[in-house]
Amino acid sequence: MLPYSIALLRAWGVWVPQDWWPTWRKKLYPAYTVFIICFVYANTLSQIIDLFTTYESLKGFINKSFILLSTIAGGVKGTHCILHRQQFINLAKTLDSYPCRPETPEEQMIQDEFKKKIKFMNRRYITMHLFTITTLTIASVLRDVPKGELYYKAWIPFNYTSPSRFWPAYVHQVIAHYFDLCMHAGYDTLAPGMMIHGCAQFAILGHRFRAIPEHIKGRLQHSDHIQYRELKALEKKKLTECVRHHLQIFEFAKTNNGIFSGMIFMQYTVSSLVLCMSTLRLSQMRAFSPTLLSIFLYFLSMIVQIFMPCFSGNQITIASEKLCDEIYGMDWTVLSTSTKRSLTLIITRAQKPLRFTSGYILTLSIESFNSVVKTSYSAFNVLHGSSEF
């Protein structure tokens, strides 16, 4: 369904591979999950302890929490994925079962087209995150290692001034950061990917509505003595299938929104804060500074992290609105009066577009993305005008 996302979540330890054989590998996977959780959360905890035990100023606090917020968010996403993994699997099964699965070559082509779009989005998103983290790591190696400093400030329960202690602590931070990358890149493409699959379902449903008159015409052409009752029964059967599919799409969207709404709201909040902090750090840097590129890429990653669910939510809203046009574009002349009345009711329902929300507060759309960016910029102006900056 979403191969890149699932592969990254498997690497983090929150997605048990169902196709593994022999079974002993599945039995060992929970132990691997516990190890990864301890490995990553230990890194997060060390940063939190250092943040509150070495507080000196607001400026220093913001610089230290610059990476920490994303690290904490990654851990929360991992926990959420473990708790709701079965619900997501059930969502995927819904798309592979009647009435959502493609029934004709034309419907399969529609679904394949949207799958290509999802893969294109996910590949670009994952590549961007990988390049950003790698750039941050290279900048740290050039800047911090010669001075004997860690990747980022953290509380370490031993003196790491000697190389034999410094390198294990440093490598632990780097590896944990790459595991955070796996979580963010894998999890952040789940909800948008399922939203685009919802767009595919609306496109398939529109095709099925347009095909109803074609079925009637085909039956009339291949039978000279077909009765009116048979045609009406065929119309009713096809229309019932479309209505059932329409209801299933709304149920799918409701479940999907219920799973990810709270986490998307958390991502909104965290990314907005990180955007503000990134802008502050960029404003304090000299031109051509060695870390300027890495911070700028991190800034772009946060923008895209907010944009992905907003764009996908906007796309499925547009797709739900287009269903009315698909029904209007049908050949109504061959349909019975009762079918035309039913289609009118369906159009009335379809005129209320499907909208995804963030925390049941913000609607996922391009407008909400603009609002979040504006809010981050306003917070930046407030902090930048503070006496501590």
Protein backbone atom coordinates (compact mmCIF):
# COMPACT_ATOMS: atom_id res chain seq x y z
CA MET A 1 0.00 0.00 0.00
CA LEU A 2 2.69 2.49 1.11
CA PRO A 3 5.94 0.53 0.71
CA TYR A 4 8.42 3.31 1.56
CA SER A 5 6.57 4.34 4.71
CA ILE A 6 6.20 0.76 5.94
CA ALA A 7 9.88 -0.02 5.27
CA LEU A 8 11.02 2.95 7.39
CA LEU A 9 8.63 2.08 10.21
CA ARG A 10 9.90 -1.49 10.16
CA ALA A 11 13.44 -0.16 10.57
CA TRP A 12 12.31 1.83 13.61
CA GLY A 13 10.75 -1.29 15.10
CA VAL A 14 7.07 -0.32 15.17
CA TRP A 15 5.77 -2.35 12.23
CA VAL A 16 5.92 -6.14 12.49
CA PRO A 17 6.54 -7.61 9.00
CA GLN A 18 3.66 -9.96 8.22
CA ASP A 19 5.53 -11.75 5.43
CA TRP A 20 8.59 -12.80 7.43
CA TRP A 21 9.51 -16.45 7.41
CA PRO A 22 10.47 -18.42 9.47
CA THR A 23 8.28 -17.39 12.37
CA TRP A 24 11.18 -17.06 14.84
CA ARG A 25 12.08 -13.77 13.16
CA LYS A 26 8.64 -12.40 14.05
CA LYS A 27 9.10 -13.57 17.63
CA LEU A 28 12.41 -11.69 17.91
CA TYR A 29 10.99 -8.49 16.44
CA PRO A 30 9.38 -7.29 19.74
CA ALA A 31 12.82 -7.51 21.37
CA TYR A 32 14.19 -5.38 18.52
CA THR A 33 11.37 -2.89 19.11
CA VAL A 34 12.20 -2.61 22.81
CA PHE A 35 15.89 -2.08 21.98
CA ILE A 36 15.14 0.72 19.50
CA ILE A 37 12.74 2.43 21.92
CA CYS A 38 15.32 2.35 24.71
CA PHE A 39 18.07 3.48 22.32
CA VAL A 40 16.11 6.46 20.96
CA TYR A 41 14.33 7.48 24.18
CA ALA A 42 17.62 7.45 26.10
CA ASN A 43 18.95 10.01 23.65
CA THR A 44 15.80 12.12 24.00
CA LEU A 45 15.90 11.94 27.81
CA SER A 46 19.54 13.03 27.92
CA GLN A 47 18.69 16.16 25.91
CA ILE A 48 15.70 17.01 28.12
CA ILE A 49 17.77 16.68 31.31
CA ASP A 50 20.50 18.91 29.90
CA LEU A 51 17.95 21.48 28.70
CA PHE A 52 16.51 22.04 32.19
CA THR A 53 19.66 21.56 34.28
CA THR A 54 21.82 24.03 32.37
CA TYR A 55 19.33 26.85 31.72
CA GLU A 56 21.13 30.17 31.30
CA SER A 57 19.01 32.37 29.03
CA LEU A 58 16.03 32.26 26.69
CA LYS A 59 18.36 32.40 23.70
CA GLY A 60 20.33 29.39 24.93
CA PHE A 61 17.12 27.53 25.78
CA ILE A 62 15.78 28.03 22.24
CA ASN A 63 19.05 26.98 20.61
CA LYS A 64 19.14 23.78 22.66
CA SER A 65 15.49 22.88 22.04
CA PHE A 66 15.92 23.46 18.30
CA ILE A 67 16.49 19.75 17.56
CA LEU A 68 14.95 18.42 20.77
CA LEU A 69 11.36 19.23 19.77
CA SER A 70 11.60 17.11 16.65
CA THR A 71 13.26 14.33 18.64
CA ILE A 72 10.42 14.31 21.17
CA ALA A 73 7.85 14.37 18.37
CA GLY A 74 9.54 11.35 16.79
CA GLY A 75 9.22 9.39 20.01
CA VAL A 76 5.54 10.30 20.36
CA LYS A 77 4.91 9.23 16.77
CA GLY A 78 6.59 5.89 17.47
CA THR A 79 4.35 5.25 20.46
CA HIS A 80 1.25 6.29 18.49
CA CYS A 81 2.20 3.98 15.63
CA ILE A 82 2.56 1.01 17.99
CA LEU A 83 -0.84 1.69 19.57
CA HIS A 84 -2.71 2.24 16.30
CA ARG A 85 -0.90 -0.05 13.86
CA GLN A 86 -3.79 -2.52 13.65
CA GLN A 87 -6.24 0.26 12.82
CA PHE A 88 -4.06 1.34 9.94
CA ILE A 89 -3.82 -2.25 8.71
CA ASN A 90 -7.62 -2.41 8.78
CA LEU A 91 -7.74 0.78 6.69
CA ALA A 92 -5.45 -0.82 4.12
CA LYS A 93 -7.66 -3.92 4.06
CA THR A 94 -10.68 -1.70 3.41
CA LEU A 95 -9.05 -0.36 0.25
CA ASP A 96 -8.29 -3.90 -0.92
CA SER A 97 -11.84 -5.17 -0.42
CA TYR A 98 -15.23 -4.56 -2.04
CA PRO A 99 -16.46 -1.95 -2.88
CA CYS A 100 -13.17 -0.03 -2.84
CA ARG A 101 -10.97 -2.40 -4.82
CA PRO A 102 -10.76 -1.82 -8.59
CA GLU A 103 -13.10 -4.08 -10.55
CA THR A 104 -12.14 -3.23 -14.15
CA PRO A 105 -8.91 -2.44 -16.03
CA GLU A 106 -9.97 1.22 -16.25
CA GLU A 107 -10.39 1.43 -12.48
CA GLN A 108 -7.04 -0.29 -11.98
CA MET A 109 -5.43 2.34 -14.22
CA ILE A 110 -6.95 5.10 -12.09
CA GLN A 111 -5.61 3.56 -8.91
CA ASP A 112 -2.16 2.96 -10.43
CA GLU A 113 -1.99 6.62 -11.47
CA PHE A 114 -2.60 7.76 -7.89
CA LYS A 115 -0.12 5.19 -6.55
CA LYS A 116 2.53 6.75 -8.78
CA LYS A 117 1.73 10.16 -7.32
CA ILE A 118 2.06 8.80 -3.79
CA LYS A 119 5.40 7.15 -4.54
CA PHE A 120 6.67 10.34 -6.16
CA MET A 121 5.69 12.43 -3.11
CA ASN A 122 7.10 9.94 -0.63
CA ARG A 123 10.41 9.50 -2.44
CA ARG A 124 10.99 13.25 -2.59
CA TYR A 125 10.00 13.71 1.04
CA ILE A 126 12.23 10.90 2.32
CA THR A 127 15.17 12.02 0.15
CA MET A 128 14.87 15.57 1.43
CA HIS A 129 14.90 14.43 5.06
CA LEU A 130 17.84 12.11 4.46
CA PHE A 131 19.84 14.86 2.77
CA THR A 132 19.01 17.30 5.59
CA ILE A 133 20.07 14.95 8.39
CA THR A 134 23.23 13.97 6.52
CA THR A 135 24.10 17.65 6.02
CA LEU A 136 23.53 18.34 9.72
CA THR A 137 25.76 15.39 10.60
CA ILE A 138 28.57 16.47 8.29
CA ALA A 139 28.39 20.02 9.67
CA SER A 140 28.60 18.63 13.22
CA VAL A 141 31.60 16.44 12.35
CA LEU A 142 33.45 19.44 10.93
CA ARG A 143 32.40 21.83 13.70
CA ASP A 144 32.04 19.80 16.91
CA VAL A 145 34.37 16.80 16.69
CA PRO A 146 37.61 18.83 16.55
CA LYS A 147 36.50 20.62 19.75
CA GLY A 148 35.44 17.39 21.46
CA GLU A 149 31.78 18.43 21.59
CA LEU A 150 28.76 16.22 21.02
CA TYR A 151 26.32 16.33 18.10
CA TYR A 152 23.98 18.38 20.33
CA LYS A 153 23.95 19.28 23.99
CA ALA A 154 22.96 16.37 26.21
CA TRP A 155 23.41 15.14 29.76
CA ILE A 156 25.85 12.22 29.74
CA PRO A 157 26.32 10.29 33.02
CA PHE A 158 30.11 10.07 32.58
CA ASN A 159 33.05 12.24 31.58
CA TYR A 160 33.38 11.96 27.79
CA THR A 161 36.56 14.01 27.33
CA SER A 162 38.60 10.94 26.41
CA PRO A 163 38.22 9.56 22.85
CA SER A 164 37.21 6.11 24.12
CA ARG A 165 34.15 7.66 25.81
CA PHE A 166 33.49 10.53 23.44
CA TRP A 167 33.00 8.45 20.30
CA PRO A 168 30.41 6.01 21.74
CA ALA A 169 28.37 8.97 23.02
CA TYR A 170 28.70 10.84 19.73
CA VAL A 171 27.87 7.82 17.54
CA HIS A 172 24.86 7.06 19.76
CA GLN A 173 23.48 10.55 19.08
CA VAL A 174 24.08 10.27 15.34
CA ILE A 175 22.44 6.85 15.03
CA ALA A 176 19.49 7.94 17.20
CA HIS A 177 19.07 10.97 14.97
CA TYR A 178 18.88 8.75 11.89
CA PHE A 179 16.27 6.59 13.64
CA ASP A 180 14.31 9.81 14.26
CA LEU A 181 14.59 10.38 10.50
CA CYS A 182 13.09 6.94 9.85
CA MET A 183 10.17 7.71 12.14
CA HIS A 184 9.43 11.18 10.79
CA ALA A 185 9.82 10.22 7.14
CA GLY A 186 7.83 7.00 7.56
CA TYR A 187 5.05 8.31 9.77
CA ASP A 188 4.61 11.68 8.05
CA THR A 189 3.88 9.95 4.74
CA LEU A 190 1.23 7.60 6.17
CA ALA A 191 -1.68 10.02 6.62
CA PRO A 192 -1.04 12.01 3.40
CA GLY A 193 -0.65 8.74 1.50
CA MET A 194 -4.00 7.47 2.74
CA MET A 195 -5.61 10.82 1.85
CA ILE A 196 -4.35 10.49 -1.73
CA HIS A 197 -5.73 6.94 -1.77
CA GLY A 198 -9.04 8.55 -0.79
CA CYS A 199 -8.70 10.79 -3.87
CA ALA A 200 -8.24 7.64 -5.94
CA GLN A 201 -11.44 6.22 -4.48
CA PHE A 202 -13.40 9.33 -5.46
CA ALA A 203 -11.96 9.10 -8.99
CA ILE A 204 -12.97 5.42 -9.21
CA LEU A 205 -16.44 6.25 -7.87
CA GLY A 206 -16.84 8.97 -10.49
CA HIS A 207 -15.89 6.47 -13.18
CA ARG A 208 -18.49 4.03 -11.86
CA PHE A 209 -21.21 6.68 -11.96
CA ARG A 210 -20.32 7.56 -15.55
CA ALA A 211 -20.40 3.87 -16.45
CA ILE A 212 -24.05 3.38 -15.37
CA PRO A 213 -25.56 4.80 -18.61
CA GLU A 214 -22.99 2.83 -20.61
CA HIS A 215 -24.16 -0.40 -18.97
CA ILE A 216 -27.76 0.48 -19.89
CA LYS A 217 -26.84 1.29 -23.50
CA GLY A 218 -24.83 -1.92 -23.79
CA ARG A 219 -27.73 -3.99 -22.52
CA LEU A 220 -30.09 -2.30 -25.00
CA GLN A 221 -27.74 -2.91 -27.92
CA HIS A 222 -27.22 -6.60 -27.16
CA SER A 223 -30.84 -7.47 -26.43
CA ASP A 224 -33.85 -6.70 -28.60
CA HIS A 225 -36.49 -7.87 -26.13
CA ILE A 226 -35.21 -6.61 -22.79
CA GLN A 227 -38.00 -5.57 -20.45
CA TYR A 228 -38.27 -2.26 -18.61
CA ARG A 229 -38.18 -4.04 -15.25
CA GLU A 230 -34.83 -5.61 -16.11
CA LEU A 231 -33.36 -2.24 -17.04
CA LYS A 232 -34.68 -0.69 -13.84
CA ALA A 233 -33.24 -3.58 -11.79
CA LEU A 234 -29.86 -3.10 -13.48
CA GLU A 235 -29.93 0.66 -12.76
CA LYS A 236 -30.85 0.01 -9.14
CA LYS A 237 -28.07 -2.56 -8.74
CA LYS A 238 -25.37 -0.28 -10.18
CA LEU A 239 -26.63 2.75 -8.28
CA THR A 240 -26.73 0.80 -5.02
CA GLU A 241 -23.11 -0.26 -5.55
CA CYS A 242 -22.08 3.37 -6.11
CA VAL A 243 -23.96 4.56 -3.01
CA ARG A 244 -22.36 1.81 -0.93
CA HIS A 245 -18.95 2.84 -2.27
CA HIS A 246 -19.64 6.50 -1.49
CA LEU A 247 -20.58 5.68 2.10
CA GLN A 248 -17.52 3.46 2.44
CA ILE A 249 -15.26 6.33 1.35
CA PHE A 250 -16.72 8.60 4.02
CA GLU A 251 -16.31 5.88 6.65
CA PHE A 252 -12.72 5.34 5.49
CA ALA A 253 -12.00 9.07 5.73
CA LYS A 254 -13.63 9.31 9.17
CA THR A 255 -11.47 6.46 10.50
CA ASN A 256 -8.34 7.87 8.90
CA ASN A 257 -9.00 11.31 10.39
CA GLY A 258 -9.70 9.77 13.77
CA ILE A 259 -6.34 7.98 13.79
CA PHE A 260 -4.15 10.86 12.65
CA SER A 261 -6.00 14.04 13.63
CA GLY A 262 -4.36 14.46 17.04
CA MET A 263 -0.89 13.64 15.76
CA ILE A 264 -1.20 16.05 12.85
CA PHE A 265 -2.17 18.77 15.34
CA MET A 266 0.91 17.93 17.40
CA GLN A 267 3.00 18.12 14.21
CA TYR A 268 1.46 21.51 13.43
CA THR A 269 2.44 22.78 16.87
CA VAL A 270 5.96 21.36 16.89
CA SER A 271 6.75 22.38 13.32
CA SER A 272 5.48 25.91 13.96
CA LEU A 273 7.79 26.25 16.97
CA VAL A 274 10.73 24.78 15.08
CA LEU A 275 10.06 27.11 12.14
CA CYS A 276 10.21 30.06 14.51
CA MET A 277 13.42 28.79 16.15
CA SER A 278 15.01 27.99 12.79
CA THR A 279 14.31 31.52 11.58
CA LEU A 280 15.84 32.91 14.78
CA ARG A 281 18.99 30.85 14.32
CA LEU A 282 19.27 31.80 10.66
CA SER A 283 18.94 35.48 11.58
CA GLN A 284 21.86 35.13 14.03
CA MET A 285 24.23 33.45 11.58
CA ARG A 286 26.83 35.10 9.41
CA ALA A 287 26.68 34.69 5.66
CA PHE A 288 28.59 31.63 4.39
CA SER A 289 28.66 30.15 7.90
CA PRO A 290 29.49 26.38 7.84
CA THR A 291 26.19 25.53 9.56
CA LEU A 292 24.04 27.92 7.51
CA LEU A 293 23.18 25.34 4.83
CA SER A 294 22.26 22.62 7.33
CA ILE A 295 19.98 24.93 9.34
CA PHE A 296 18.36 26.24 6.16
CA LEU A 297 17.66 22.68 4.97
CA TYR A 298 16.20 21.84 8.38
CA PHE A 299 14.00 24.92 8.06
CA LEU A 300 12.77 23.74 4.64
CA SER A 301 12.11 20.23 6.03
CA MET A 302 9.84 21.68 8.71
CA ILE A 303 7.92 23.68 6.11
CA VAL A 304 7.40 20.59 3.95
CA GLN A 305 6.44 18.59 7.05
CA ILE A 306 3.52 20.97 7.59
CA PHE A 307 2.73 21.28 3.89
CA MET A 308 2.36 17.53 3.21
CA PRO A 309 -0.84 16.89 5.23
CA CYS A 310 -2.27 20.29 4.25
CA PHE A 311 -1.76 19.60 0.56
CA SER A 312 -3.16 16.05 0.79
CA GLY A 313 -6.17 17.20 2.82
CA ASN A 314 -6.81 19.92 0.25
CA GLN A 315 -6.60 17.36 -2.59
CA ILE A 316 -9.18 15.00 -1.10
CA THR A 317 -11.53 17.95 -0.48
CA ILE A 318 -11.23 18.92 -4.15
CA ALA A 319 -11.73 15.28 -5.21
CA SER A 320 -14.94 15.02 -3.16
CA GLU A 321 -16.25 18.24 -4.73
CA LYS A 322 -15.50 16.95 -8.23
CA LEU A 323 -17.86 14.02 -7.71
CA CYS A 324 -20.82 16.35 -8.38
CA ASP A 325 -19.33 17.25 -11.76
CA GLU A 326 -18.86 13.58 -12.59
CA ILE A 327 -22.53 12.85 -11.86
CA TYR A 328 -23.68 15.94 -13.77
CA GLY A 329 -21.61 14.75 -16.74
CA MET A 330 -23.46 11.43 -17.00
CA ASP A 331 -25.86 10.70 -19.84
CA TRP A 332 -29.12 11.10 -17.91
CA THR A 333 -31.32 10.56 -20.97
CA VAL A 334 -31.22 6.76 -20.77
CA LEU A 335 -31.98 6.60 -17.03
CA SER A 336 -35.36 6.09 -15.39
CA THR A 337 -37.10 8.82 -13.42
CA SER A 338 -36.50 7.10 -10.06
CA THR A 339 -32.78 6.81 -10.80
CA LYS A 340 -32.62 10.50 -11.71
CA ARG A 341 -34.22 11.36 -8.38
CA SER A 342 -31.74 9.20 -6.54
CA LEU A 343 -28.84 10.88 -8.38
CA THR A 344 -30.21 14.28 -7.36
CA LEU A 345 -30.10 13.21 -3.71
CA ILE A 346 -26.55 11.92 -4.14
CA ILE A 347 -25.49 15.24 -5.67
CA THR A 348 -27.03 17.08 -2.71
CA ARG A 349 -24.93 14.96 -0.33
CA ALA A 350 -21.79 15.31 -2.44
CA GLN A 351 -22.07 19.10 -2.38
CA LYS A 352 -20.89 18.94 1.22
CA PRO A 353 -17.16 18.28 0.62
CA LEU A 354 -15.05 15.94 2.70
CA ARG A 355 -12.66 17.82 4.98
CA PHE A 356 -9.82 16.49 7.12
CA THR A 357 -9.06 18.28 10.36
CA SER A 358 -6.10 18.69 12.67
CA GLY A 359 -7.13 18.00 16.24
CA TYR A 360 -10.74 18.57 15.11
CA ILE A 361 -9.86 22.30 15.14
CA LEU A 362 -7.97 23.24 11.98
CA THR A 363 -9.07 22.14 8.53
CA LEU A 364 -6.25 20.70 6.45
CA SER A 365 -5.98 23.00 3.46
CA ILE A 366 -3.58 25.35 1.73
CA GLU A 367 -5.17 28.23 3.65
CA SER A 368 -4.41 26.59 7.01
CA PHE A 369 -0.81 26.02 5.88
CA ASN A 370 -0.50 29.74 5.15
CA SER A 371 -1.97 30.51 8.57
CA VAL A 372 0.57 28.31 10.36
CA VAL A 373 3.49 29.92 8.53
CA LYS A 374 2.15 33.40 9.35
CA THR A 375 1.76 32.43 13.02
CA SER A 376 5.36 31.19 13.13
CA TYR A 377 6.57 34.42 11.55
CA SER A 378 4.62 36.47 14.10
CA ALA A 379 6.19 34.49 16.95
CA PHE A 380 9.61 35.07 15.39
CA ASN A 381 9.01 38.83 15.33
CA VAL A 382 8.02 38.80 19.00
CA LEU A 383 11.08 36.80 20.07
CA HIS A 384 13.43 38.68 17.79
CA GLY A 385 12.31 41.95 19.38
CA SER A 386 12.96 40.58 22.87
CA SER A 387 15.79 42.14 24.86
CA GLU A 388 17.43 38.71 25.18
CA PHE A 389 18.00 38.62 21.41
